[in-house]
Amino acid sequence: MFDKVYDIPERFSHIFWSEWSTVKNTQTHGVSIAYRMLTHGDKEAWDWTFEHINNSDILSACDARGFDQNIKHYVESVINNHHA
């Protein structure tokens, strides 16, 4: 499902501000991208994340220190329901 490497669309550049030039694609920066996208609170960013980033990278991002536990529980439910 995630064999293809995706670059972050330009429309999300504001989420990455100073990191935009270093965060390149989902294969090499999946966890970092997922963290930024999920903590930004933009529904379109969330949708893109679930469609283009590996679930293991998304879950790793949710395990980062300081990640909102309510968001983590929601993300886990989305991933679990997607595979049900």
N, C-alpha and C. Protein backbone atom coordinates (compact mmCIF):
# COMPACT_ATOMS: atom_id res chain seq x y z
N MET A 1 0.82 -1.20 0.00
CA MET A 1 0.00 0.00 0.00
C MET A 1 0.86 1.26 0.00
N PHE A 2 1.98 1.23 0.73
CA PHE A 2 2.82 2.42 0.83
C PHE A 2 4.17 2.20 0.18
N ASP A 3 4.19 1.46 -0.92
CA ASP A 3 5.44 1.22 -1.63
C ASP A 3 5.94 2.49 -2.30
N LYS A 4 5.04 3.36 -2.63
CA LYS A 4 5.41 4.61 -3.30
C LYS A 4 5.86 5.64 -2.26
N VAL A 5 6.85 6.41 -2.62
CA VAL A 5 7.33 7.50 -1.77
C VAL A 5 6.61 8.77 -2.19
N TYR A 6 6.07 9.49 -1.23
CA TYR A 6 5.34 10.72 -1.52
C TYR A 6 6.09 11.92 -0.98
N ASP A 7 6.09 12.98 -1.75
CA ASP A 7 6.59 14.27 -1.27
C ASP A 7 5.42 15.02 -0.68
N ILE A 8 5.69 15.82 0.31
CA ILE A 8 4.64 16.61 0.95
C ILE A 8 4.16 17.68 -0.03
N PRO A 9 2.85 17.78 -0.24
CA PRO A 9 2.35 18.83 -1.13
C PRO A 9 2.66 20.23 -0.60
N GLU A 10 2.91 21.13 -1.49
CA GLU A 10 3.23 22.52 -1.16
C GLU A 10 2.18 23.16 -0.25
N ARG A 11 0.93 22.75 -0.39
CA ARG A 11 -0.14 23.37 0.40
C ARG A 11 0.03 23.15 1.91
N PHE A 12 0.92 22.22 2.30
CA PHE A 12 1.17 21.99 3.72
C PHE A 12 2.48 22.61 4.20
N SER A 13 3.12 23.40 3.39
CA SER A 13 4.42 23.97 3.75
C SER A 13 4.36 24.80 5.03
N HIS A 14 3.23 25.45 5.28
CA HIS A 14 3.10 26.27 6.48
C HIS A 14 3.19 25.44 7.77
N ILE A 15 2.90 24.16 7.69
CA ILE A 15 2.97 23.29 8.87
C ILE A 15 4.43 23.03 9.26
N PHE A 16 5.32 23.11 8.28
CA PHE A 16 6.72 22.75 8.51
C PHE A 16 7.66 23.94 8.60
N TRP A 17 7.17 25.14 8.40
CA TRP A 17 7.90 26.39 8.38
C TRP A 17 9.40 26.20 8.20
N SER A 18 10.20 26.21 9.24
CA SER A 18 11.66 26.19 9.10
C SER A 18 12.21 24.85 8.62
N GLU A 19 11.44 23.79 8.72
CA GLU A 19 11.92 22.47 8.31
C GLU A 19 11.53 22.12 6.87
N TRP A 20 10.83 23.00 6.19
CA TRP A 20 10.29 22.66 4.87
C TRP A 20 11.37 22.17 3.91
N SER A 21 12.56 22.76 3.94
CA SER A 21 13.59 22.36 2.99
C SER A 21 14.29 21.05 3.38
N THR A 22 14.15 20.60 4.63
CA THR A 22 14.84 19.38 5.06
C THR A 22 13.93 18.17 5.16
N VAL A 23 12.65 18.38 5.37
CA VAL A 23 11.71 17.25 5.44
C VAL A 23 11.26 16.98 4.00
N LYS A 24 11.79 15.91 3.44
CA LYS A 24 11.62 15.69 2.01
C LYS A 24 10.46 14.78 1.63
N ASN A 25 10.40 13.58 2.18
CA ASN A 25 9.39 12.65 1.70
C ASN A 25 9.00 11.65 2.79
N THR A 26 7.97 10.90 2.49
CA THR A 26 7.38 9.99 3.47
C THR A 26 8.27 8.80 3.80
N GLN A 27 9.16 8.42 2.91
CA GLN A 27 10.01 7.28 3.19
C GLN A 27 11.10 7.62 4.19
N THR A 28 11.73 8.75 4.02
CA THR A 28 12.84 9.11 4.90
C THR A 28 12.42 9.91 6.12
N HIS A 29 11.26 10.54 6.08
CA HIS A 29 10.83 11.40 7.19
C HIS A 29 9.39 11.13 7.63
N GLY A 30 8.91 9.90 7.45
CA GLY A 30 7.52 9.59 7.75
C GLY A 30 7.07 9.94 9.15
N VAL A 31 7.89 9.61 10.15
CA VAL A 31 7.51 9.88 11.54
C VAL A 31 7.43 11.38 11.79
N SER A 32 8.42 12.12 11.34
CA SER A 32 8.43 13.58 11.53
C SER A 32 7.26 14.25 10.81
N ILE A 33 7.00 13.80 9.60
CA ILE A 33 5.89 14.37 8.84
C ILE A 33 4.57 14.07 9.54
N ALA A 34 4.38 12.82 9.96
CA ALA A 34 3.14 12.45 10.65
C ALA A 34 2.95 13.28 11.92
N TYR A 35 4.02 13.45 12.68
CA TYR A 35 3.93 14.23 13.92
C TYR A 35 3.44 15.65 13.63
N ARG A 36 4.08 16.30 12.68
CA ARG A 36 3.70 17.68 12.34
C ARG A 36 2.27 17.77 11.83
N MET A 37 1.92 16.87 10.94
CA MET A 37 0.60 16.91 10.32
C MET A 37 -0.50 16.66 11.36
N LEU A 38 -0.27 15.70 12.26
CA LEU A 38 -1.30 15.34 13.24
C LEU A 38 -1.41 16.34 14.38
N THR A 39 -0.35 17.05 14.67
CA THR A 39 -0.43 18.03 15.76
C THR A 39 -0.84 19.41 15.28
N HIS A 40 -0.97 19.57 13.99
CA HIS A 40 -1.35 20.87 13.45
C HIS A 40 -2.86 21.14 13.55
N GLY A 41 -3.66 20.10 13.51
CA GLY A 41 -5.10 20.29 13.64
C GLY A 41 -5.82 20.63 12.35
N ASP A 42 -5.20 20.34 11.23
CA ASP A 42 -5.78 20.62 9.92
C ASP A 42 -6.36 19.31 9.37
N LYS A 43 -7.67 19.26 9.16
CA LYS A 43 -8.31 18.02 8.71
C LYS A 43 -7.74 17.54 7.38
N GLU A 44 -7.48 18.43 6.48
CA GLU A 44 -6.91 18.04 5.19
C GLU A 44 -5.53 17.41 5.38
N ALA A 45 -4.75 17.95 6.31
CA ALA A 45 -3.43 17.38 6.62
C ALA A 45 -3.58 15.99 7.22
N TRP A 46 -4.57 15.82 8.09
CA TRP A 46 -4.82 14.50 8.68
C TRP A 46 -5.19 13.50 7.60
N ASP A 47 -6.10 13.89 6.71
CA ASP A 47 -6.53 12.98 5.63
C ASP A 47 -5.34 12.58 4.77
N TRP A 48 -4.51 13.54 4.41
CA TRP A 48 -3.34 13.25 3.60
C TRP A 48 -2.40 12.29 4.34
N THR A 49 -2.22 12.51 5.62
CA THR A 49 -1.34 11.67 6.43
C THR A 49 -1.81 10.22 6.42
N PHE A 50 -3.09 10.00 6.68
CA PHE A 50 -3.61 8.63 6.70
C PHE A 50 -3.54 7.95 5.33
N GLU A 51 -3.60 8.73 4.28
CA GLU A 51 -3.55 8.17 2.93
C GLU A 51 -2.14 7.91 2.42
N HIS A 52 -1.14 8.63 2.95
CA HIS A 52 0.18 8.59 2.33
C HIS A 52 1.33 8.17 3.26
N ILE A 53 1.08 8.05 4.53
CA ILE A 53 2.16 7.69 5.45
C ILE A 53 1.87 6.33 6.07
N ASN A 54 2.90 5.55 6.16
CA ASN A 54 2.85 4.21 6.71
C ASN A 54 2.27 4.25 8.13
N ASN A 55 1.37 3.32 8.45
CA ASN A 55 0.76 3.29 9.78
C ASN A 55 1.79 3.16 10.90
N SER A 56 2.86 2.43 10.67
CA SER A 56 3.88 2.29 11.71
C SER A 56 4.56 3.63 11.99
N ASP A 57 4.77 4.45 10.97
CA ASP A 57 5.33 5.80 11.17
C ASP A 57 4.34 6.69 11.91
N ILE A 58 3.07 6.57 11.56
CA ILE A 58 2.04 7.37 12.25
C ILE A 58 2.00 7.00 13.73
N LEU A 59 2.00 5.72 14.03
CA LEU A 59 1.95 5.28 15.43
C LEU A 59 3.22 5.67 16.19
N SER A 60 4.35 5.63 15.53
CA SER A 60 5.60 6.09 16.16
C SER A 60 5.52 7.58 16.49
N ALA A 61 4.95 8.35 15.59
CA ALA A 61 4.78 9.78 15.86
C ALA A 61 3.89 9.99 17.08
N CYS A 62 2.87 9.17 17.23
CA CYS A 62 1.95 9.29 18.37
C CYS A 62 2.63 8.93 19.69
N ASP A 63 3.71 8.17 19.62
CA ASP A 63 4.44 7.79 20.84
C ASP A 63 5.47 8.82 21.27
N ALA A 64 5.62 9.88 20.50
CA ALA A 64 6.59 10.91 20.83
C ALA A 64 6.21 11.62 22.13
N ARG A 65 7.22 12.02 22.86
CA ARG A 65 6.98 12.72 24.13
C ARG A 65 6.15 13.98 23.87
N GLY A 66 5.15 14.16 24.68
CA GLY A 66 4.31 15.35 24.58
C GLY A 66 3.16 15.26 23.59
N PHE A 67 3.07 14.14 22.87
CA PHE A 67 1.99 14.00 21.91
C PHE A 67 0.68 13.87 22.67
N ASP A 68 -0.32 14.59 22.25
CA ASP A 68 -1.63 14.61 22.92
C ASP A 68 -2.25 13.20 22.91
N GLN A 69 -2.55 12.69 24.10
CA GLN A 69 -3.08 11.34 24.22
C GLN A 69 -4.48 11.20 23.61
N ASN A 70 -5.26 12.24 23.61
CA ASN A 70 -6.57 12.19 22.97
C ASN A 70 -6.43 12.01 21.46
N ILE A 71 -5.47 12.72 20.88
CA ILE A 71 -5.21 12.57 19.45
C ILE A 71 -4.69 11.16 19.19
N LYS A 72 -3.81 10.68 20.04
CA LYS A 72 -3.26 9.33 19.88
C LYS A 72 -4.38 8.28 19.86
N HIS A 73 -5.31 8.38 20.79
CA HIS A 73 -6.41 7.42 20.84
C HIS A 73 -7.27 7.51 19.58
N TYR A 74 -7.49 8.71 19.11
CA TYR A 74 -8.27 8.88 17.88
C TYR A 74 -7.53 8.24 16.70
N VAL A 75 -6.24 8.52 16.58
CA VAL A 75 -5.44 7.97 15.49
C VAL A 75 -5.46 6.45 15.53
N GLU A 76 -5.29 5.88 16.70
CA GLU A 76 -5.32 4.42 16.84
C GLU A 76 -6.67 3.86 16.40
N SER A 77 -7.74 4.54 16.75
CA SER A 77 -9.06 4.05 16.34
C SER A 77 -9.25 4.14 14.84
N VAL A 78 -8.75 5.19 14.22
CA VAL A 78 -8.84 5.32 12.76
C VAL A 78 -8.08 4.18 12.10
N ILE A 79 -6.86 3.95 12.56
CA ILE A 79 -6.04 2.89 11.97
C ILE A 79 -6.68 1.52 12.20
N ASN A 80 -7.17 1.27 13.40
CA ASN A 80 -7.80 -0.03 13.71
C ASN A 80 -9.08 -0.23 12.91
N ASN A 81 -9.89 0.82 12.75
CA ASN A 81 -11.13 0.71 11.98
C ASN A 81 -10.85 0.54 10.49
N HIS A 82 -9.77 1.11 10.04
CA HIS A 82 -9.40 1.00 8.63
C HIS A 82 -9.04 -0.44 8.28
N HIS A 83 -8.49 -1.16 9.25
CA HIS A 83 -8.07 -2.54 9.02
C HIS A 83 -9.10 -3.56 9.45
N ALA A 84 -10.23 -3.10 9.98
CA ALA A 84 -11.26 -4.04 10.47
C ALA A 84 -12.03 -4.68 9.34
